[in-house]
Protein backbone atom coordinates (compact mmCIF):
# COMPACT_ATOMS: atom_id res chain seq x y z
CA MET A 1 56.84 -26.58 46.87
CA GLN A 2 57.92 -23.69 44.84
CA ARG A 3 56.10 -25.21 42.07
CA ILE A 4 52.85 -25.27 44.09
CA LEU A 5 53.40 -21.67 45.12
CA GLY A 6 53.97 -20.67 41.51
CA LEU A 7 50.81 -22.41 40.41
CA SER A 8 48.83 -20.88 43.27
CA ALA A 9 50.06 -17.39 42.40
CA LEU A 10 49.19 -17.94 38.78
CA LEU A 11 45.71 -19.16 39.77
CA ILE A 12 45.12 -16.11 41.98
CA VAL A 13 46.22 -13.73 39.25
CA ALA A 14 43.88 -15.48 36.77
CA LEU A 15 40.94 -15.21 39.20
CA LEU A 16 41.62 -11.51 39.83
CA LEU A 17 41.65 -10.87 36.08
CA ALA A 18 38.45 -12.88 35.51
CA LEU A 19 36.35 -11.04 38.12
CA PRO A 20 36.27 -7.64 36.35
CA VAL A 21 35.43 -9.37 33.04
CA GLN A 22 32.51 -11.21 34.66
CA ALA A 23 31.27 -7.99 36.31
CA GLN A 24 31.48 -6.16 32.99
CA ARG A 25 29.42 -8.86 31.27
CA TYR A 26 26.78 -8.62 34.01
CA ASP A 27 26.54 -4.83 33.58
CA GLU A 28 26.27 -5.06 29.78
CA ARG A 29 23.70 -7.82 29.97
CA TYR A 30 21.34 -6.15 32.43
CA GLN A 31 22.00 -2.45 32.09
CA ASP A 32 22.47 -1.62 28.41
CA SER A 33 20.49 -4.17 26.44
CA GLY A 34 18.30 -5.85 29.06
CA TYR A 35 17.70 -9.51 29.57
CA TYR A 36 15.72 -11.58 27.09
CA ASP A 37 13.44 -14.49 27.81
CA VAL A 38 10.54 -16.34 26.16
CA ALA A 39 6.84 -15.80 27.06
CA ARG A 40 3.83 -17.95 26.17
CA VAL A 41 1.48 -16.42 23.58
CA VAL A 42 -2.13 -16.38 24.80
CA ASP A 43 -3.91 -14.67 21.88
CA VAL A 44 -3.07 -13.25 18.44
CA GLN A 45 -5.47 -10.90 16.62
CA PRO A 46 -4.72 -9.62 13.11
CA LEU A 47 -4.87 -5.83 12.72
CA HIS A 48 -6.44 -4.52 9.51
CA GLU A 49 -6.56 -1.07 8.03
CA THR A 50 -9.16 0.03 5.46
CA ILE A 51 -7.58 1.54 2.36
CA SER A 52 -9.54 3.16 -0.48
CA GLN A 53 -8.13 2.15 -3.85
CA PRO A 54 -9.09 4.23 -6.93
CA VAL A 55 -10.45 2.15 -9.80
CA SER A 56 -10.92 3.92 -13.15
CA SER A 57 -13.25 2.63 -15.83
CA ARG A 58 -14.41 3.91 -19.21
CA GLU A 59 -18.17 4.01 -19.55
CA CYS A 60 -19.97 4.59 -22.86
CA TRP A 61 -23.63 5.21 -23.62
CA ARG A 62 -25.84 6.28 -26.53
CA GLU A 63 -27.29 9.76 -26.30
CA PRO A 64 -30.05 11.15 -28.57
CA VAL A 65 -29.00 14.13 -30.70
CA GLN A 66 -30.66 16.12 -33.44
CA TYR A 67 -29.25 18.38 -36.09
CA ARG A 68 -30.46 20.31 -39.10
CA THR A 69 -29.17 19.62 -42.58
CA ALA A 70 -28.10 22.54 -44.75
CA ASP A 71 -30.44 24.22 -47.25
CA ARG A 72 -29.56 23.19 -50.79
CA TYR A 73 -30.13 24.86 -54.13
CA TYR A 74 -30.05 22.74 -57.21
CA GLY A 75 -29.87 24.07 -60.77
CA PRO A 76 -32.83 23.47 -63.05
CA ARG A 77 -33.11 19.88 -64.12
CA ASP A 78 -35.60 20.46 -66.87
CA LYS A 79 -35.87 23.77 -68.72
CA THR A 80 -39.01 22.79 -70.64
CA PRO A 81 -41.51 24.33 -68.16
CA ALA A 82 -39.75 27.72 -68.29
CA VAL A 83 -39.63 27.65 -72.13
CA LEU A 84 -43.28 26.68 -72.36
CA GLY A 85 -44.22 29.34 -69.79
CA GLY A 86 -42.36 31.93 -71.88
CA ILE A 87 -44.17 30.88 -75.09
CA ILE A 88 -47.59 30.92 -73.44
CA GLY A 89 -46.86 34.26 -71.78
CA GLY A 90 -45.72 35.70 -75.13
CA LEU A 91 -48.92 34.57 -76.88
CA ILE A 92 -51.08 36.11 -74.17
CA GLY A 93 -49.09 39.35 -74.28
CA ASN A 94 -49.38 39.46 -78.08
CA GLN A 95 -53.19 39.19 -77.85
CA ILE A 96 -53.48 42.00 -75.28
CA GLY A 97 -51.47 44.73 -76.94
CA HIS A 98 -51.97 46.81 -80.19
CA GLY A 99 -49.29 48.28 -82.41
CA ARG A 100 -46.03 49.14 -80.67
CA ASP A 101 -47.61 48.21 -77.33
CA ARG A 102 -48.13 44.72 -78.67
CA ASP A 103 -44.34 44.14 -78.90
CA ILE A 104 -43.86 45.36 -75.32
CA ALA A 105 -46.79 43.21 -74.09
CA THR A 106 -45.37 40.16 -75.89
CA ILE A 107 -41.91 40.64 -74.28
CA ALA A 108 -43.52 41.20 -70.88
CA GLY A 109 -45.69 38.05 -71.37
CA VAL A 110 -42.61 35.95 -72.24
CA ALA A 111 -40.78 37.18 -69.11
CA LEU A 112 -43.76 36.72 -66.79
CA GLY A 113 -44.61 33.27 -68.20
CA ALA A 114 -41.04 32.01 -67.84
CA ALA A 115 -40.82 33.39 -64.28
CA ALA A 116 -44.15 31.81 -63.30
CA ALA A 117 -43.08 28.40 -64.66
CA HIS A 118 -39.71 28.70 -62.90
CA ASP A 119 -41.37 29.47 -59.53
CA ALA A 120 -43.81 26.60 -59.95
CA GLN A 121 -40.98 24.20 -60.68
CA ARG A 122 -39.03 25.51 -57.65
CA ARG A 123 -42.04 25.01 -55.34
CA ASN A 124 -42.30 21.41 -56.48
CA GLY A 125 -38.69 20.70 -55.42
CA GLY A 126 -36.94 21.09 -58.70
CA TYR A 127 -34.54 23.82 -57.56
CA TYR A 128 -34.52 24.24 -53.81
CA GLN A 129 -34.48 21.83 -50.94
CA ARG A 130 -34.88 23.10 -47.43
CA GLY A 131 -32.76 21.70 -44.62
CA ARG A 132 -34.44 19.08 -42.48
CA THR A 133 -34.16 18.04 -38.84
CA VAL A 134 -32.46 14.69 -38.35
CA ARG A 135 -32.78 12.77 -35.07
CA THR A 136 -30.25 10.07 -34.29
CA SER A 137 -28.02 8.94 -31.42
CA GLN A 138 -24.30 9.23 -30.82
CA GLU A 139 -21.98 7.33 -28.55
CA ARG A 140 -20.60 9.35 -25.64
CA CYS A 141 -17.85 8.11 -23.32
CA ALA A 142 -16.37 9.26 -20.02
CA VAL A 143 -13.74 7.96 -17.60
CA ARG A 144 -15.18 7.48 -14.12
CA THR A 145 -13.19 6.83 -10.97
CA ASP A 146 -14.73 4.80 -8.16
CA TYR A 147 -13.09 4.04 -4.84
CA ARG A 148 -13.20 0.54 -3.44
CA ASP A 149 -12.36 -0.15 0.17
CA GLN A 150 -9.92 -2.98 0.81
CA GLN A 151 -8.78 -4.46 4.09
CA GLN A 152 -5.00 -4.56 4.38
CA LEU A 153 -3.16 -6.52 7.09
CA VAL A 154 -0.88 -4.12 8.97
CA GLY A 155 0.22 -6.27 11.92
CA TYR A 156 -0.83 -8.41 14.87
CA ASP A 157 -1.99 -7.61 18.40
CA VAL A 158 -0.30 -10.22 20.58
CA THR A 159 -1.32 -11.03 24.16
CA TYR A 160 1.32 -12.97 26.11
CA ASP A 161 1.81 -14.42 29.58
CA TYR A 162 5.20 -14.12 31.24
CA GLN A 163 5.39 -15.68 34.71
CA GLY A 164 1.76 -14.81 35.47
CA ARG A 165 1.93 -11.28 34.03
CA ILE A 166 -0.23 -10.53 30.98
CA GLY A 167 1.25 -8.18 28.41
CA HIS A 168 0.31 -6.79 24.98
CA VAL A 169 2.50 -5.93 22.03
CA GLN A 170 1.94 -5.20 18.33
CA THR A 171 4.14 -7.04 15.87
CA ASP A 172 4.60 -7.18 12.11
CA PHE A 173 4.41 -10.99 12.14
CA ASP A 174 2.41 -13.79 13.76
CA PRO A 175 4.77 -15.00 16.53
CA GLY A 176 3.30 -18.49 16.91
CA ASP A 177 3.16 -20.13 20.38
CA THR A 178 5.95 -18.11 22.04
CA ILE A 179 7.37 -14.62 21.82
CA ARG A 180 10.70 -13.20 22.91
CA VAL A 181 10.38 -10.59 25.69
CA ARG A 182 12.90 -8.17 27.16
CA ILE A 183 13.26 -8.07 30.93
CA ASP A 184 14.72 -4.92 32.47
CA VAL A 185 16.48 -5.30 35.79
CA GLN A 186 17.02 -2.13 37.80
CA ALA A 187 18.34 -1.62 41.27
CA ILE A 188 15.90 -0.26 43.86
CA PRO A 189 17.47 2.52 45.95
């Protein structure tokens, strides 16, 4: 009998200790973190966001340009025309003048004849070449940046049914056929 009383007392003490633990679990389960259950997924729609991505490219083209070459002076290639001009000028000067004036006229004829032959040779391209206009094309390049719109997946809009109630939530993943839902239980005063 004592043995039954001892076991009964031990059983009562164990029950009294277990009740507060069970009550504490109930409070933690429903008050702090809520209660979780599974709902049926009705619809899943992907959510996209448009993002503009910069794309740089190098473009080249040919562009017409013109420039002027420099004027050039070349030394005499052939001195024969100037020498001949001097001789002819000297002969003419010698025929024009008399006495001492003849010597001066001869020297002047040599100088004028040589100068005339030199100028004639220069006009014919022997000494001087004028610059010329040159038309050509050059390659020009530039870096251009275009923006291309891209659709990026940012999440899913999920419609679910939990015990006849329809709800919506956005998720980062496709949940499949079911989704975990949190049920809050609160006392009504």
